[in-house]
Amino acid sequence: MPPMSFVGQVTKVGFMNKTATVTVSRFIFHPKTGKRLERSKKFLTHDEENILRPDDTVLIRNCPPISARKRFKLERVIKSPVREREELHARQAAEA
């Protein structure tokens, strides 16, 4: 399989150890109407350090099968709203 990488959003995390569900969305155009349609697919992703949180934007890359349904590894976290909020609260607490 050629190397594939997708940017997606973490939708489910914490139910399985070292695993997160990442939803990857793409847009297609309907052949007759020309309207833009959103298509999405969920991938189980290996998260070795359990660092992912819901609503994180991540880059995932395919790898050899880790389990029956897990075929992607976490490459990097692009954006994490929860972690950014926690860092902001920590900075404000340190200043006060």
PDB file of N, CA and C in Angstrom:
ATOM      1  N   MET A   1       0.841  -1.174   0.000  1.00  0.00           N
ATOM      2  CA  MET A   1       0.000   0.000   0.000  1.00  0.00           C
ATOM      3  C   MET A   1       0.888   1.240   0.000  1.00  0.00           C
ATOM      4  N   PRO A   2       0.613   2.204  -0.869  1.00  0.00           N
ATOM      5  CA  PRO A   2       1.436   3.415  -0.882  1.00  0.00           C
ATOM      6  C   PRO A   2       1.199   4.242   0.380  1.00  0.00           C
ATOM      7  N   PRO A   3       2.171   5.056   0.754  1.00  0.00           N
ATOM      8  CA  PRO A   3       1.985   5.862   1.955  1.00  0.00           C
ATOM      9  C   PRO A   3       0.838   6.852   1.775  1.00  0.00           C
ATOM     10  N   MET A   4      -0.079   6.842   2.727  1.00  0.00           N
ATOM     11  CA  MET A   4      -1.204   7.771   2.705  1.00  0.00           C
ATOM     12  C   MET A   4      -1.194   8.546   4.009  1.00  0.00           C
ATOM     13  N   SER A   5      -1.544   9.795   3.936  1.00  0.00           N
ATOM     14  CA  SER A   5      -1.708  10.575   5.155  1.00  0.00           C
ATOM     15  C   SER A   5      -2.983  11.395   5.022  1.00  0.00           C
ATOM     16  N   PHE A   6      -3.701  11.509   6.133  1.00  0.00           N
ATOM     17  CA  PHE A   6      -4.955  12.237   6.153  1.00  0.00           C
ATOM     18  C   PHE A   6      -4.952  13.205   7.324  1.00  0.00           C
ATOM     19  N   VAL A   7      -5.663  14.303   7.146  1.00  0.00           N
ATOM     20  CA  VAL A   7      -5.903  15.240   8.240  1.00  0.00           C
ATOM     21  C   VAL A   7      -7.342  15.041   8.661  1.00  0.00           C
ATOM     22  N   GLY A   8      -7.538  14.793   9.948  1.00  0.00           N
ATOM     23  CA  GLY A   8      -8.883  14.535  10.444  1.00  0.00           C
ATOM     24  C   GLY A   8      -9.072  15.050  11.847  1.00  0.00           C
ATOM     25  N   GLN A   9     -10.275  14.821  12.366  1.00  0.00           N
ATOM     26  CA  GLN A   9     -10.631  15.284  13.693  1.00  0.00           C
ATOM     27  C   GLN A   9     -10.918  14.086  14.590  1.00  0.00           C
ATOM     28  N   VAL A  10     -10.399  14.136  15.808  1.00  0.00           N
ATOM     29  CA  VAL A  10     -10.610  13.052  16.763  1.00  0.00           C
ATOM     30  C   VAL A  10     -12.054  13.126  17.253  1.00  0.00           C
ATOM     31  N   THR A  11     -12.796  12.027  17.090  1.00  0.00           N
ATOM     32  CA  THR A  11     -14.191  12.005  17.504  1.00  0.00           C
ATOM     33  C   THR A  11     -14.415  11.157  18.739  1.00  0.00           C
ATOM     34  N   LYS A  12     -13.588  10.159  18.955  1.00  0.00           N
ATOM     35  CA  LYS A  12     -13.792   9.257  20.080  1.00  0.00           C
ATOM     36  C   LYS A  12     -12.427   8.857  20.626  1.00  0.00           C
ATOM     37  N   VAL A  13     -12.268   8.972  21.941  1.00  0.00           N
ATOM     38  CA  VAL A  13     -10.988   8.637  22.554  1.00  0.00           C
ATOM     39  C   VAL A  13     -11.246   8.219  23.999  1.00  0.00           C
ATOM     40  N   GLY A  14     -10.423   7.303  24.508  1.00  0.00           N
ATOM     41  CA  GLY A  14     -10.520   6.904  25.899  1.00  0.00           C
ATOM     42  C   GLY A  14     -11.285   5.617  26.141  1.00  0.00           C
ATOM     43  N   PHE A  15     -11.923   5.061  25.143  1.00  0.00           N
ATOM     44  CA  PHE A  15     -12.673   3.829  25.321  1.00  0.00           C
ATOM     45  C   PHE A  15     -11.791   2.600  25.135  1.00  0.00           C
ATOM     46  N   MET A  16     -10.772   2.745  24.299  1.00  0.00           N
ATOM     47  CA  MET A  16      -9.817   1.664  24.067  1.00  0.00           C
ATOM     48  C   MET A  16      -8.424   2.204  24.370  1.00  0.00           C
ATOM     49  N   ASN A  17      -7.592   1.410  24.980  1.00  0.00           N
ATOM     50  CA  ASN A  17      -6.248   1.850  25.343  1.00  0.00           C
ATOM     51  C   ASN A  17      -5.392   2.030  24.088  1.00  0.00           C
ATOM     52  N   LYS A  18      -4.711   3.166  23.993  1.00  0.00           N
ATOM     53  CA  LYS A  18      -3.809   3.510  22.880  1.00  0.00           C
ATOM     54  C   LYS A  18      -4.515   3.555  21.537  1.00  0.00           C
ATOM     55  N   THR A  19      -5.811   3.860  21.525  1.00  0.00           N
ATOM     56  CA  THR A  19      -6.581   3.920  20.285  1.00  0.00           C
ATOM     57  C   THR A  19      -7.498   5.121  20.309  1.00  0.00           C
ATOM     58  N   ALA A  20      -7.607   5.794  19.165  1.00  0.00           N
ATOM     59  CA  ALA A  20      -8.542   6.902  19.005  1.00  0.00           C
ATOM     60  C   ALA A  20      -9.243   6.744  17.659  1.00  0.00           C
ATOM     61  N   THR A  21     -10.458   7.234  17.588  1.00  0.00           N
ATOM     62  CA  THR A  21     -11.196   7.224  16.326  1.00  0.00           C
ATOM     63  C   THR A  21     -11.060   8.599  15.692  1.00  0.00           C
ATOM     64  N   VAL A  22     -10.572   8.633  14.451  1.00  0.00           N
ATOM     65  CA  VAL A  22     -10.367   9.880  13.730  1.00  0.00           C
ATOM     66  C   VAL A  22     -11.304   9.897  12.529  1.00  0.00           C
ATOM     67  N   THR A  23     -12.072  10.975  12.386  1.00  0.00           N
ATOM     68  CA  THR A  23     -12.978  11.133  11.257  1.00  0.00           C
ATOM     69  C   THR A  23     -12.312  12.030  10.217  1.00  0.00           C
ATOM     70  N   VAL A  24     -12.198  11.508   9.000  1.00  0.00           N
ATOM     71  CA  VAL A  24     -11.589  12.244   7.894  1.00  0.00           C
ATOM     72  C   VAL A  24     -12.706  12.611   6.921  1.00  0.00           C
ATOM     73  N   SER A  25     -12.850  13.897   6.639  1.00  0.00           N
ATOM     74  CA  SER A  25     -13.903  14.369   5.744  1.00  0.00           C
ATOM     75  C   SER A  25     -13.300  14.860   4.437  1.00  0.00           C
ATOM     76  N   ARG A  26     -14.053  14.689   3.382  1.00  0.00           N
ATOM     77  CA  ARG A  26     -13.654  15.209   2.069  1.00  0.00           C
ATOM     78  C   ARG A  26     -14.912  15.671   1.352  1.00  0.00           C
ATOM     79  N   PHE A  27     -14.757  16.510   0.350  1.00  0.00           N
ATOM     80  CA  PHE A  27     -15.890  17.021  -0.402  1.00  0.00           C
ATOM     81  C   PHE A  27     -15.853  16.488  -1.815  1.00  0.00           C
ATOM     82  N   ILE A  28     -17.018  16.113  -2.324  1.00  0.00           N
ATOM     83  CA  ILE A  28     -17.156  15.692  -3.720  1.00  0.00           C
ATOM     84  C   ILE A  28     -18.248  16.543  -4.355  1.00  0.00           C
ATOM     85  N   PHE A  29     -18.270  16.566  -5.662  1.00  0.00           N
ATOM     86  CA  PHE A  29     -19.320  17.271  -6.377  1.00  0.00           C
ATOM     87  C   PHE A  29     -20.239  16.251  -7.030  1.00  0.00           C
ATOM     88  N   HIS A  30     -21.540  16.458  -6.856  1.00  0.00           N
ATOM     89  CA  HIS A  30     -22.522  15.552  -7.445  1.00  0.00           C
ATOM     90  C   HIS A  30     -22.442  15.677  -8.962  1.00  0.00           C
ATOM     91  N   PRO A  31     -22.432  14.541  -9.680  1.00  0.00           N
ATOM     92  CA  PRO A  31     -22.232  14.609 -11.125  1.00  0.00           C
ATOM     93  C   PRO A  31     -23.342  15.337 -11.885  1.00  0.00           C
ATOM     94  N   LYS A  32     -24.578  15.258 -11.430  1.00  0.00           N
ATOM     95  CA  LYS A  32     -25.678  15.899 -12.167  1.00  0.00           C
ATOM     96  C   LYS A  32     -25.985  17.307 -11.660  1.00  0.00           C
ATOM     97  N   THR A  33     -26.099  17.458 -10.352  1.00  0.00           N
ATOM     98  CA  THR A  33     -26.503  18.758  -9.816  1.00  0.00           C
ATOM     99  C   THR A  33     -25.331  19.700  -9.600  1.00  0.00           C
ATOM    100  N   GLY A  34     -24.138  19.165  -9.431  1.00  0.00           N
ATOM    101  CA  GLY A  34     -22.965  20.001  -9.208  1.00  0.00           C
ATOM    102  C   GLY A  34     -22.849  20.499  -7.776  1.00  0.00           C
ATOM    103  N   LYS A  35     -23.747  20.033  -6.911  1.00  0.00           N
ATOM    104  CA  LYS A  35     -23.691  20.465  -5.517  1.00  0.00           C
ATOM    105  C   LYS A  35     -22.528  19.784  -4.802  1.00  0.00           C
ATOM    106  N   ARG A  36     -22.023  20.465  -3.803  1.00  0.00           N
ATOM    107  CA  ARG A  36     -20.907  19.949  -3.022  1.00  0.00           C
ATOM    108  C   ARG A  36     -21.447  19.086  -1.886  1.00  0.00           C
ATOM    109  N   LEU A  37     -20.944  17.847  -1.779  1.00  0.00           N
ATOM    110  CA  LEU A  37     -21.377  16.919  -0.749  1.00  0.00           C
ATOM    111  C   LEU A  37     -20.186  16.546   0.127  1.00  0.00           C
ATOM    112  N   GLU A  38     -20.444  16.395   1.424  1.00  0.00           N
ATOM    113  CA  GLU A  38     -19.382  16.008   2.336  1.00  0.00           C
ATOM    114  C   GLU A  38     -19.439  14.506   2.569  1.00  0.00           C
ATOM    115  N   ARG A  39     -18.327  13.844   2.379  1.00  0.00           N
ATOM    116  CA  ARG A  39     -18.201  12.417   2.656  1.00  0.00           C
ATOM    117  C   ARG A  39     -17.170  12.261   3.769  1.00  0.00           C
ATOM    118  N   SER A  40     -17.462  11.362   4.700  1.00  0.00           N
ATOM    119  CA  SER A  40     -16.523  11.163   5.798  1.00  0.00           C
ATOM    120  C   SER A  40     -16.324   9.680   6.046  1.00  0.00           C
ATOM    121  N   LYS A  41     -15.174   9.367   6.629  1.00  0.00           N
ATOM    122  CA  LYS A  41     -14.827   7.989   6.958  1.00  0.00           C
ATOM    123  C   LYS A  41     -14.082   8.002   8.279  1.00  0.00           C
ATOM    124  N   LYS A  42     -14.360   6.994   9.107  1.00  0.00           N
ATOM    125  CA  LYS A  42     -13.707   6.886  10.407  1.00  0.00           C
ATOM    126  C   LYS A  42     -12.576   5.873  10.336  1.00  0.00           C
ATOM    127  N   PHE A  43     -11.446   6.227  10.949  1.00  0.00           N
ATOM    128  CA  PHE A  43     -10.291   5.346  11.014  1.00  0.00           C
ATOM    129  C   PHE A  43      -9.895   5.161  12.468  1.00  0.00           C
ATOM    130  N   LEU A  44      -9.575   3.920  12.854  1.00  0.00           N
ATOM    131  CA  LEU A  44      -8.995   3.674  14.163  1.00  0.00           C
ATOM    132  C   LEU A  44      -7.504   3.974  14.057  1.00  0.00           C
ATOM    133  N   THR A  45      -7.002   4.758  14.985  1.00  0.00           N
ATOM    134  CA  THR A  45      -5.636   5.254  14.928  1.00  0.00           C
ATOM    135  C   THR A  45      -4.878   4.866  16.182  1.00  0.00           C
ATOM    136  N   HIS A  46      -3.630   4.441  16.011  1.00  0.00           N
ATOM    137  CA  HIS A  46      -2.782   4.063  17.142  1.00  0.00           C
ATOM    138  C   HIS A  46      -2.188   5.323  17.759  1.00  0.00           C
ATOM    139  N   ASP A  47      -2.444   5.507  19.054  1.00  0.00           N
ATOM    140  CA  ASP A  47      -1.961   6.654  19.816  1.00  0.00           C
ATOM    141  C   ASP A  47      -1.122   6.101  20.966  1.00  0.00           C
ATOM    142  N   GLU A  48       0.178   5.984  20.762  1.00  0.00           N
ATOM    143  CA  GLU A  48       1.054   5.287  21.707  1.00  0.00           C
ATOM    144  C   GLU A  48       1.045   5.902  23.099  1.00  0.00           C
ATOM    145  N   GLU A  49       1.047   7.235  23.212  1.00  0.00           N
ATOM    146  CA  GLU A  49       1.135   7.888  24.520  1.00  0.00           C
ATOM    147  C   GLU A  49      -0.220   8.292  25.086  1.00  0.00           C
ATOM    148  N   ASN A  50      -1.315   7.978  24.423  1.00  0.00           N
ATOM    149  CA  ASN A  50      -2.664   8.378  24.856  1.00  0.00           C
ATOM    150  C   ASN A  50      -2.750   9.892  25.072  1.00  0.00           C
ATOM    151  N   ILE A  51      -2.249  10.667  24.104  1.00  0.00           N
ATOM    152  CA  ILE A  51      -2.242  12.123  24.238  1.00  0.00           C
ATOM    153  C   ILE A  51      -3.427  12.792  23.563  1.00  0.00           C
ATOM    154  N   LEU A  52      -4.177  12.066  22.762  1.00  0.00           N
ATOM    155  CA  LEU A  52      -5.261  12.690  22.001  1.00  0.00           C
ATOM    156  C   LEU A  52      -6.464  12.983  22.884  1.00  0.00           C
ATOM    157  N   ARG A  53      -7.143  14.075  22.548  1.00  0.00           N
ATOM    158  CA  ARG A  53      -8.364  14.487  23.215  1.00  0.00           C
ATOM    159  C   ARG A  53      -9.435  14.702  22.141  1.00  0.00           C
ATOM    160  N   PRO A  54     -10.704  14.675  22.516  1.00  0.00           N
ATOM    161  CA  PRO A  54     -11.763  14.933  21.522  1.00  0.00           C
ATOM    162  C   PRO A  54     -11.584  16.314  20.892  1.00  0.00           C
ATOM    163  N   ASP A  55     -11.919  16.423  19.631  1.00  0.00           N
ATOM    164  CA  ASP A  55     -11.864  17.647  18.819  1.00  0.00           C
ATOM    165  C   ASP A  55     -10.446  18.077  18.441  1.00  0.00           C
ATOM    166  N   ASP A  56      -9.430  17.254  18.693  1.00  0.00           N
ATOM    167  CA  ASP A  56      -8.082  17.551  18.202  1.00  0.00           C
ATOM    168  C   ASP A  56      -8.052  17.375  16.693  1.00  0.00           C
ATOM    169  N   THR A  57      -7.299  18.227  16.015  1.00  0.00           N
ATOM    170  CA  THR A  57      -7.046  18.059  14.586  1.00  0.00           C
ATOM    171  C   THR A  57      -5.690  17.390  14.455  1.00  0.00           C
ATOM    172  N   VAL A  58      -5.644  16.240  13.756  1.00  0.00           N
ATOM    173  CA  VAL A  58      -4.424  15.428  13.713  1.00  0.00           C
ATOM    174  C   VAL A  58      -4.075  15.025  12.286  1.00  0.00           C
ATOM    175  N   LEU A  59      -2.810  14.658  12.116  1.00  0.00           N
ATOM    176  CA  LEU A  59      -2.324  14.077  10.875  1.00  0.00           C
ATOM    177  C   LEU A  59      -2.047  12.606  11.157  1.00  0.00           C
ATOM    178  N   ILE A  60      -2.684  11.710  10.383  1.00  0.00           N
ATOM    179  CA  ILE A  60      -2.469  10.276  10.568  1.00  0.00           C
ATOM    180  C   ILE A  60      -1.848   9.703   9.307  1.00  0.00           C
ATOM    181  N   ARG A  61      -1.054   8.645   9.472  1.00  0.00           N
ATOM    182  CA  ARG A  61      -0.369   8.011   8.341  1.00  0.00           C
ATOM    183  C   ARG A  61      -0.575   6.506   8.425  1.00  0.00           C
ATOM    184  N   ASN A  62      -0.738   5.869   7.259  1.00  0.00           N
ATOM    185  CA  ASN A  62      -0.959   4.420   7.265  1.00  0.00           C
ATOM    186  C   ASN A  62       0.316   3.683   7.663  1.00  0.00           C
ATOM    187  N   CYS A  63       0.128   2.472   8.174  1.00  0.00           N
ATOM    188  CA  CYS A  63       1.232   1.650   8.655  1.00  0.00           C
ATOM    189  C   CYS A  63       0.811   0.191   8.521  1.00  0.00           C
ATOM    190  N   PRO A  64       1.713  -0.747   8.759  1.00  0.00           N
ATOM    191  CA  PRO A  64       1.302  -2.157   8.767  1.00  0.00           C
ATOM    192  C   PRO A  64       0.240  -2.377   9.842  1.00  0.00           C
ATOM    193  N   PRO A  65      -0.625  -3.373   9.656  1.00  0.00           N
ATOM    194  CA  PRO A  65      -1.724  -3.588  10.613  1.00  0.00           C
ATOM    195  C   PRO A  65      -1.237  -3.778  12.048  1.00  0.00           C
ATOM    196  N   ILE A  66      -1.841  -3.039  12.957  1.00  0.00           N
ATOM    197  CA  ILE A  66      -1.528  -3.144  14.377  1.00  0.00           C
ATOM    198  C   ILE A  66      -2.518  -4.092  15.039  1.00  0.00           C
ATOM    199  N   SER A  67      -3.771  -4.043  14.595  1.00  0.00           N
ATOM    200  CA  SER A  67      -4.798  -4.968  15.084  1.00  0.00           C
ATOM    201  C   SER A  67      -5.745  -5.249  13.917  1.00  0.00           C
ATOM    202  N   ALA A  68      -6.879  -5.857  14.204  1.00  0.00           N
ATOM    203  CA  ALA A  68      -7.795  -6.256  13.138  1.00  0.00           C
ATOM    204  C   ALA A  68      -8.310  -5.056  12.335  1.00  0.00           C
ATOM    205  N   ARG A  69      -8.567  -3.926  13.011  1.00  0.00           N
ATOM    206  CA  ARG A  69      -9.123  -2.759  12.318  1.00  0.00           C
ATOM    207  C   ARG A  69      -8.221  -1.538  12.360  1.00  0.00           C
ATOM    208  N   LYS A  70      -7.102  -1.613  13.049  1.00  0.00           N
ATOM    209  CA  LYS A  70      -6.231  -0.446  13.232  1.00  0.00           C
ATOM    210  C   LYS A  70      -5.092  -0.485  12.223  1.00  0.00           C
ATOM    211  N   ARG A  71      -5.097   0.476  11.288  1.00  0.00           N
ATOM    212  CA  ARG A  71      -4.106   0.509  10.222  1.00  0.00           C
ATOM    213  C   ARG A  71      -3.418   1.873  10.084  1.00  0.00           C
ATOM    214  N   PHE A  72      -3.644   2.771  11.038  1.00  0.00           N
ATOM    215  CA  PHE A  72      -3.064   4.108  10.976  1.00  0.00           C
ATOM    216  C   PHE A  72      -2.386   4.446  12.288  1.00  0.00           C
ATOM    217  N   LYS A  73      -1.309   5.263  12.188  1.00  0.00           N
ATOM    218  CA  LYS A  73      -0.602   5.747  13.367  1.00  0.00           C
ATOM    219  C   LYS A  73      -0.709   7.265  13.407  1.00  0.00           C
ATOM    220  N   LEU A  74      -0.666   7.798  14.609  1.00  0.00           N
ATOM    221  CA  LEU A  74      -0.673   9.241  14.798  1.00  0.00           C
ATOM    222  C   LEU A  74       0.677   9.800  14.361  1.00  0.00           C
ATOM    223  N   GLU A  75       0.648  10.719  13.417  1.00  0.00           N
ATOM    224  CA  GLU A  75       1.878  11.366  12.956  1.00  0.00           C
ATOM    225  C   GLU A  75       2.175  12.592  13.823  1.00  0.00           C
ATOM    226  N   ARG A  76       1.187  13.496  13.954  1.00  0.00           N
ATOM    227  CA  ARG A  76       1.356  14.658  14.828  1.00  0.00           C
ATOM    228  C   ARG A  76       0.004  15.309  15.093  1.00  0.00           C
ATOM    229  N   VAL A  77      -0.053  16.054  16.178  1.00  0.00           N
ATOM    230  CA  VAL A  77      -1.248  16.813  16.532  1.00  0.00           C
ATOM    231  C   VAL A  77      -1.091  18.205  15.929  1.00  0.00           C
ATOM    232  N   ILE A  78      -2.031  18.597  15.089  1.00  0.00           N
ATOM    233  CA  ILE A  78      -1.959  19.897  14.436  1.00  0.00           C
ATOM    234  C   ILE A  78      -2.541  20.977  15.344  1.00  0.00           C
ATOM    235  N   LYS A  79      -3.710  20.697  15.921  1.00  0.00           N
ATOM    236  CA  LYS A  79      -4.377  21.682  16.773  1.00  0.00           C
ATOM    237  C   LYS A  79      -5.146  20.952  17.863  1.00  0.00           C
ATOM    238  N   SER A  80      -5.042  21.452  19.089  1.00  0.00           N
ATOM    239  CA  SER A  80      -5.731  20.834  20.215  1.00  0.00           C
ATOM    240  C   SER A  80      -6.407  21.914  21.054  1.00  0.00           C
ATOM    241  N   PRO A  81      -7.708  22.141  20.872  1.00  0.00           N
ATOM    242  CA  PRO A  81      -8.388  23.200  21.624  1.00  0.00           C
ATOM    243  C   PRO A  81      -8.371  22.966  23.133  1.00  0.00           C
ATOM    244  N   VAL A  82      -8.514  21.722  23.569  1.00  0.00           N
ATOM    245  CA  VAL A  82      -8.541  21.434  25.010  1.00  0.00           C
ATOM    246  C   VAL A  82      -7.183  21.720  25.628  1.00  0.00           C
ATOM    247  N   ARG A  83      -6.126  21.288  24.975  1.00  0.00           N
ATOM    248  CA  ARG A  83      -4.780  21.505  25.505  1.00  0.00           C
ATOM    249  C   ARG A  83      -4.432  22.992  25.508  1.00  0.00           C
ATOM    250  N   GLU A  84      -4.832  23.730  24.462  1.00  0.00           N
ATOM    251  CA  GLU A  84      -4.575  25.168  24.424  1.00  0.00           C
ATOM    252  C   GLU A  84      -5.293  25.885  25.574  1.00  0.00           C
ATOM    253  N   ARG A  85      -6.530  25.469  25.856  1.00  0.00           N
ATOM    254  CA  ARG A  85      -7.294  26.078  26.946  1.00  0.00           C
ATOM    255  C   ARG A  85      -6.629  25.782  28.294  1.00  0.00           C
ATOM    256  N   GLU A  86      -6.159  24.546  28.491  1.00  0.00           N
ATOM    257  CA  GLU A  86      -5.492  24.198  29.747  1.00  0.00           C
ATOM    258  C   GLU A  86      -4.195  24.986  29.927  1.00  0.00           C
ATOM    259  N   GLU A  87      -3.433  25.169  28.851  1.00  0.00           N
ATOM    260  CA  GLU A  87      -2.197  25.950  28.939  1.00  0.00           C
ATOM    261  C   GLU A  87      -2.492  27.413  29.269  1.00  0.00           C
ATOM    262  N   LEU A  88      -3.574  27.948  28.702  1.00  0.00           N
ATOM    263  CA  LEU A  88      -3.958  29.327  28.984  1.00  0.00           C
ATOM    264  C   LEU A  88      -4.341  29.493  30.443  1.00  0.00           C
ATOM    265  N   HIS A  89      -5.111  28.557  30.983  1.00  0.00           N
ATOM    266  CA  HIS A  89      -5.503  28.604  32.398  1.00  0.00           C
ATOM    267  C   HIS A  89      -4.272  28.494  33.307  1.00  0.00           C
ATOM    268  N   ALA A  90      -3.329  27.635  32.928  1.00  0.00           N
ATOM    269  CA  ALA A  90      -2.118  27.470  33.732  1.00  0.00           C
ATOM    270  C   ALA A  90      -1.291  28.758  33.744  1.00  0.00           C
ATOM    271  N   ARG A  91      -1.189  29.424  32.582  1.00  0.00           N
ATOM    272  CA  ARG A  91      -0.447  30.700  32.508  1.00  0.00           C
ATOM    273  C   ARG A  91      -1.126  31.781  33.338  1.00  0.00           C
ATOM    274  N   GLN A  92      -2.458  31.829  33.262  1.00  0.00           N
ATOM    275  CA  GLN A  92      -3.195  32.848  34.034  1.00  0.00           C
ATOM    276  C   GLN A  92      -3.063  32.576  35.536  1.00  0.00           C
ATOM    277  N   ALA A  93      -3.051  31.305  35.938  1.00  0.00           N
ATOM    278  CA  ALA A  93      -2.900  30.975  37.357  1.00  0.00           C
ATOM    279  C   ALA A  93      -1.498  31.324  37.836  1.00  0.00           C
ATOM    280  N   ALA A  94      -0.505  31.147  36.985  1.00  0.00           N
ATOM    281  CA  ALA A  94       0.877  31.453  37.362  1.00  0.00           C
ATOM    282  C   ALA A  94       1.078  32.971  37.500  1.00  0.00           C
ATOM    283  N   GLU A  95       0.410  33.750  36.682  1.00  0.00           N
ATOM    284  CA  GLU A  95       0.525  35.208  36.748  1.00  0.00           C
ATOM    285  C   GLU A  95      -0.182  35.767  37.976  1.00  0.00           C
ATOM    286  N   ALA A  96      -1.265  35.135  38.389  1.00  0.00           N
ATOM    287  CA  ALA A  96      -2.051  35.671  39.524  1.00  0.00           C
ATOM    288  C   ALA A  96      -1.455  35.319  40.869  1.00  0.00           C
TER     289      ALA A  96
END
